[in-house]
Amino acid sequence: MQLTEQGRIFYENCLNVLSAIERAEASVANKGARPHGVLNVTAPLGFGRRVVAPALPQLQAEHPELDVFLRLSDYFVDLFTEAVDVAVRMAVLPDSSLIVRNIAEINRVLCASPAYLEAHGEPDRSGPGYTSLPDAALPGGRRIKWTLMDGESVREISVSGHLDTDDGDVLRQWAVTGEASR
């Protein structure tokens, strides 16, 4: 078996996340204090399940005085009111007083299921090969338009649908099976 191109990119991004966690651990260790207490972490559902959650047992094993609480949500949790210590975000963040580190680049592409293409036909491919901008709304965000980009060319298209959820994995599954195209 071999990884697909998307699988290879996903794997490399996972390695970047694990490296960022190791750097975070090292920066705490270099301060001379042993990590202890509760570490509250939030991450998007799918990414949190696949990348963040598997890394946390090792973190806790290396720092036995640390209790880790992971909250998975595709909605932005308010870091201040919800007492979150570390947040993984998959978005372009506005300027703020928070310490922000880019741990991975995520490229998004638009895809269509065979059922969607059968029902609506293939899109015109004569134009540029647009991809979605990284600041696209998270699941459940009730998008009215998608902003697409190809190099310097930007295009907005109106979107609508009868199914929506705040879980990116469910949205992906609906798209793959064609449920969203009915």
Protein backbone atom coordinates (compact mmCIF):
# COMPACT_ATOMS: atom_id res chain seq x y z
CA MET A 1 0.00 0.00 0.00
CA GLN A 2 1.10 3.56 -0.68
CA LEU A 3 -0.14 6.89 0.56
CA THR A 4 -2.08 9.07 -1.83
CA GLU A 5 -0.73 12.56 -2.42
CA GLN A 6 -3.35 13.89 0.01
CA GLY A 7 -2.33 11.25 2.54
CA ARG A 8 1.33 12.21 2.24
CA ILE A 9 0.51 15.91 2.72
CA PHE A 10 -1.69 15.08 5.72
CA TYR A 11 1.07 12.91 7.24
CA GLU A 12 3.68 15.67 6.80
CA ASN A 13 1.34 18.19 8.44
CA CYS A 14 0.82 15.76 11.34
CA LEU A 15 4.58 15.58 11.78
CA ASN A 16 4.66 19.40 11.92
CA VAL A 17 2.02 19.38 14.67
CA LEU A 18 3.95 16.80 16.70
CA SER A 19 7.12 18.84 16.23
CA ALA A 20 5.29 21.94 17.50
CA ILE A 21 4.15 20.03 20.58
CA GLU A 22 7.74 18.92 21.20
CA ARG A 23 8.95 22.52 20.87
CA ALA A 24 6.25 23.64 23.31
CA GLU A 25 7.36 20.98 25.77
CA ALA A 26 10.99 21.99 25.37
CA SER A 27 10.18 25.67 25.94
CA VAL A 28 8.45 24.78 29.21
CA ALA A 29 11.24 22.42 30.24
CA ASN A 30 13.84 25.11 29.59
CA LYS A 31 12.18 27.37 32.15
CA GLY A 32 13.25 25.00 34.92
CA ALA A 33 9.73 24.26 36.13
CA ARG A 34 8.15 20.85 35.71
CA PRO A 35 4.76 21.07 33.99
CA HIS A 36 2.01 20.37 36.48
CA GLY A 37 -1.66 21.09 36.96
CA VAL A 38 -4.36 21.04 34.30
CA LEU A 39 -3.63 21.81 30.64
CA ASN A 40 -6.83 22.71 28.77
CA VAL A 41 -6.52 22.11 25.02
CA THR A 42 -9.07 22.74 22.28
CA ALA A 43 -8.89 21.62 18.65
CA PRO A 44 -11.21 21.09 15.67
CA LEU A 45 -13.07 17.75 15.75
CA GLY A 46 -11.47 15.83 12.89
CA PHE A 47 -7.95 17.21 13.29
CA GLY A 48 -8.20 16.82 17.05
CA ARG A 49 -9.23 13.18 16.75
CA ARG A 50 -6.58 12.26 14.19
CA VAL A 51 -3.59 14.36 15.24
CA VAL A 52 -3.90 16.07 18.62
CA ALA A 53 -5.56 13.30 20.68
CA PRO A 54 -3.00 10.62 19.72
CA ALA A 55 -0.13 12.94 20.79
CA LEU A 56 -1.52 13.82 24.23
CA PRO A 57 -0.95 10.48 26.04
CA GLN A 58 2.77 10.76 25.26
CA LEU A 59 2.79 14.35 26.55
CA GLN A 60 1.11 13.26 29.76
CA ALA A 61 3.42 10.24 30.17
CA GLU A 62 6.44 12.54 29.90
CA HIS A 63 4.91 14.93 32.43
CA PRO A 64 3.08 12.78 35.00
CA GLU A 65 2.13 15.79 37.13
CA LEU A 66 0.16 17.21 34.20
CA ASP A 67 -3.54 16.52 33.73
CA VAL A 68 -4.71 17.13 30.16
CA PHE A 69 -8.28 18.00 29.19
CA LEU A 70 -9.01 17.98 25.44
CA ARG A 71 -12.11 19.72 24.11
CA LEU A 72 -12.95 19.01 20.48
CA SER A 73 -15.20 21.43 18.66
CA ASP A 74 -15.38 22.90 15.18
CA TYR A 75 -16.55 26.17 16.72
CA PHE A 76 -14.05 28.70 18.00
CA VAL A 77 -13.99 28.40 21.75
CA ASP A 78 -13.44 31.70 23.57
CA LEU A 79 -10.01 31.14 25.07
CA PHE A 80 -10.46 33.61 27.91
CA THR A 81 -13.96 32.84 29.16
CA GLU A 82 -13.43 29.06 28.81
CA ALA A 83 -9.94 29.02 30.42
CA VAL A 84 -8.21 27.35 27.46
CA ASP A 85 -4.41 27.12 27.58
CA VAL A 86 -3.70 25.81 24.07
CA ALA A 87 -5.94 26.10 21.02
CA VAL A 88 -5.35 24.52 17.63
CA ARG A 89 -7.08 26.56 14.93
CA MET A 90 -7.48 25.87 11.24
CA ALA A 91 -8.02 29.44 10.10
CA VAL A 92 -6.43 32.80 9.47
CA LEU A 93 -6.64 34.50 12.83
CA PRO A 94 -7.19 38.22 13.35
CA ASP A 95 -4.55 40.28 15.08
CA SER A 96 -4.72 39.79 18.82
CA SER A 97 -2.65 39.73 21.96
CA LEU A 98 -2.46 35.92 21.77
CA ILE A 99 0.79 34.10 21.04
CA VAL A 100 0.19 32.44 17.67
CA ARG A 101 2.37 29.92 15.87
CA ASN A 102 1.72 28.52 12.42
CA ILE A 103 2.30 24.77 12.79
CA ALA A 104 1.09 23.61 9.38
CA GLU A 105 -0.26 24.87 6.08
CA ILE A 106 -3.58 23.36 5.06
CA ASN A 107 -4.64 23.59 1.44
CA ARG A 108 -8.30 23.05 0.69
CA VAL A 109 -9.73 21.90 -2.60
CA LEU A 110 -13.27 21.66 -3.87
CA CYS A 111 -14.44 18.16 -4.68
CA ALA A 112 -17.69 16.65 -5.90
CA SER A 113 -19.15 13.19 -5.44
CA PRO A 114 -20.18 11.14 -8.48
CA ALA A 115 -23.81 11.54 -7.35
CA TYR A 116 -23.48 15.35 -7.36
CA LEU A 117 -21.87 15.35 -10.79
CA GLU A 118 -24.59 13.05 -12.13
CA ALA A 119 -27.33 15.31 -10.76
CA HIS A 120 -25.77 18.68 -11.64
CA GLY A 121 -23.17 18.00 -14.33
CA GLU A 122 -19.49 18.77 -14.31
CA PRO A 123 -18.41 22.37 -13.76
CA ASP A 124 -16.79 24.37 -16.55
CA ARG A 125 -13.09 23.57 -16.36
CA SER A 126 -11.97 26.10 -18.96
CA GLY A 127 -11.26 28.77 -16.33
CA PRO A 128 -8.58 28.91 -13.67
CA GLY A 129 -8.24 26.09 -11.13
CA TYR A 130 -9.66 27.79 -8.09
CA THR A 131 -9.09 26.52 -4.54
CA SER A 132 -10.82 27.75 -1.41
CA LEU A 133 -9.14 30.39 0.68
CA PRO A 134 -7.92 29.32 4.13
CA ASP A 135 -10.28 31.70 5.91
CA ALA A 136 -13.39 29.78 4.78
CA ALA A 137 -16.00 29.43 7.50
CA LEU A 138 -15.94 26.42 9.75
CA PRO A 139 -18.69 23.82 9.56
CA GLY A 140 -22.01 25.11 10.84
CA GLY A 141 -21.06 28.64 9.82
CA ARG A 142 -23.99 28.98 7.38
CA ARG A 143 -21.84 30.14 4.50
CA ILE A 144 -23.63 32.06 1.81
CA LYS A 145 -20.58 32.46 -0.43
CA TRP A 146 -17.30 30.63 -0.88
CA THR A 147 -14.26 32.70 -1.73
CA LEU A 148 -12.07 30.89 -4.25
CA MET A 149 -8.61 31.83 -5.41
CA ASP A 150 -6.24 30.96 -8.23
CA GLY A 151 -3.01 32.90 -7.89
CA GLU A 152 -4.10 36.52 -7.87
CA SER A 153 -7.57 35.79 -9.27
CA VAL A 154 -10.36 35.71 -6.66
CA ARG A 155 -13.92 34.57 -7.28
CA GLU A 156 -16.95 34.33 -5.00
CA ILE A 157 -19.70 31.82 -5.66
CA SER A 158 -23.03 31.52 -3.91
CA VAL A 159 -23.69 28.22 -2.16
CA SER A 160 -26.72 26.70 -0.51
CA GLY A 161 -27.82 23.36 0.77
CA HIS A 162 -30.33 21.52 2.91
CA LEU A 163 -27.85 19.72 5.17
CA ASP A 164 -25.46 21.39 7.61
CA THR A 165 -23.64 20.37 10.76
CA ASP A 166 -20.91 21.59 13.06
CA ASP A 167 -18.87 18.41 12.45
CA GLY A 168 -16.44 18.57 9.52
CA ASP A 169 -16.18 14.76 9.34
CA VAL A 170 -19.94 14.46 8.85
CA LEU A 171 -19.88 17.13 6.13
CA ARG A 172 -17.10 15.26 4.35
CA GLN A 173 -18.99 11.96 4.63
CA TRP A 174 -22.15 13.52 3.19
CA ALA A 175 -20.16 14.93 0.29
CA VAL A 176 -18.38 11.61 -0.40
CA THR A 177 -21.61 9.62 -0.39
CA GLY A 178 -23.52 12.25 -2.34
CA GLU A 179 -26.05 12.82 0.45
CA ALA A 180 -25.62 16.57 0.19
CA SER A 181 -26.51 16.61 -3.52
CA ARG A 182 -30.07 15.30 -3.19
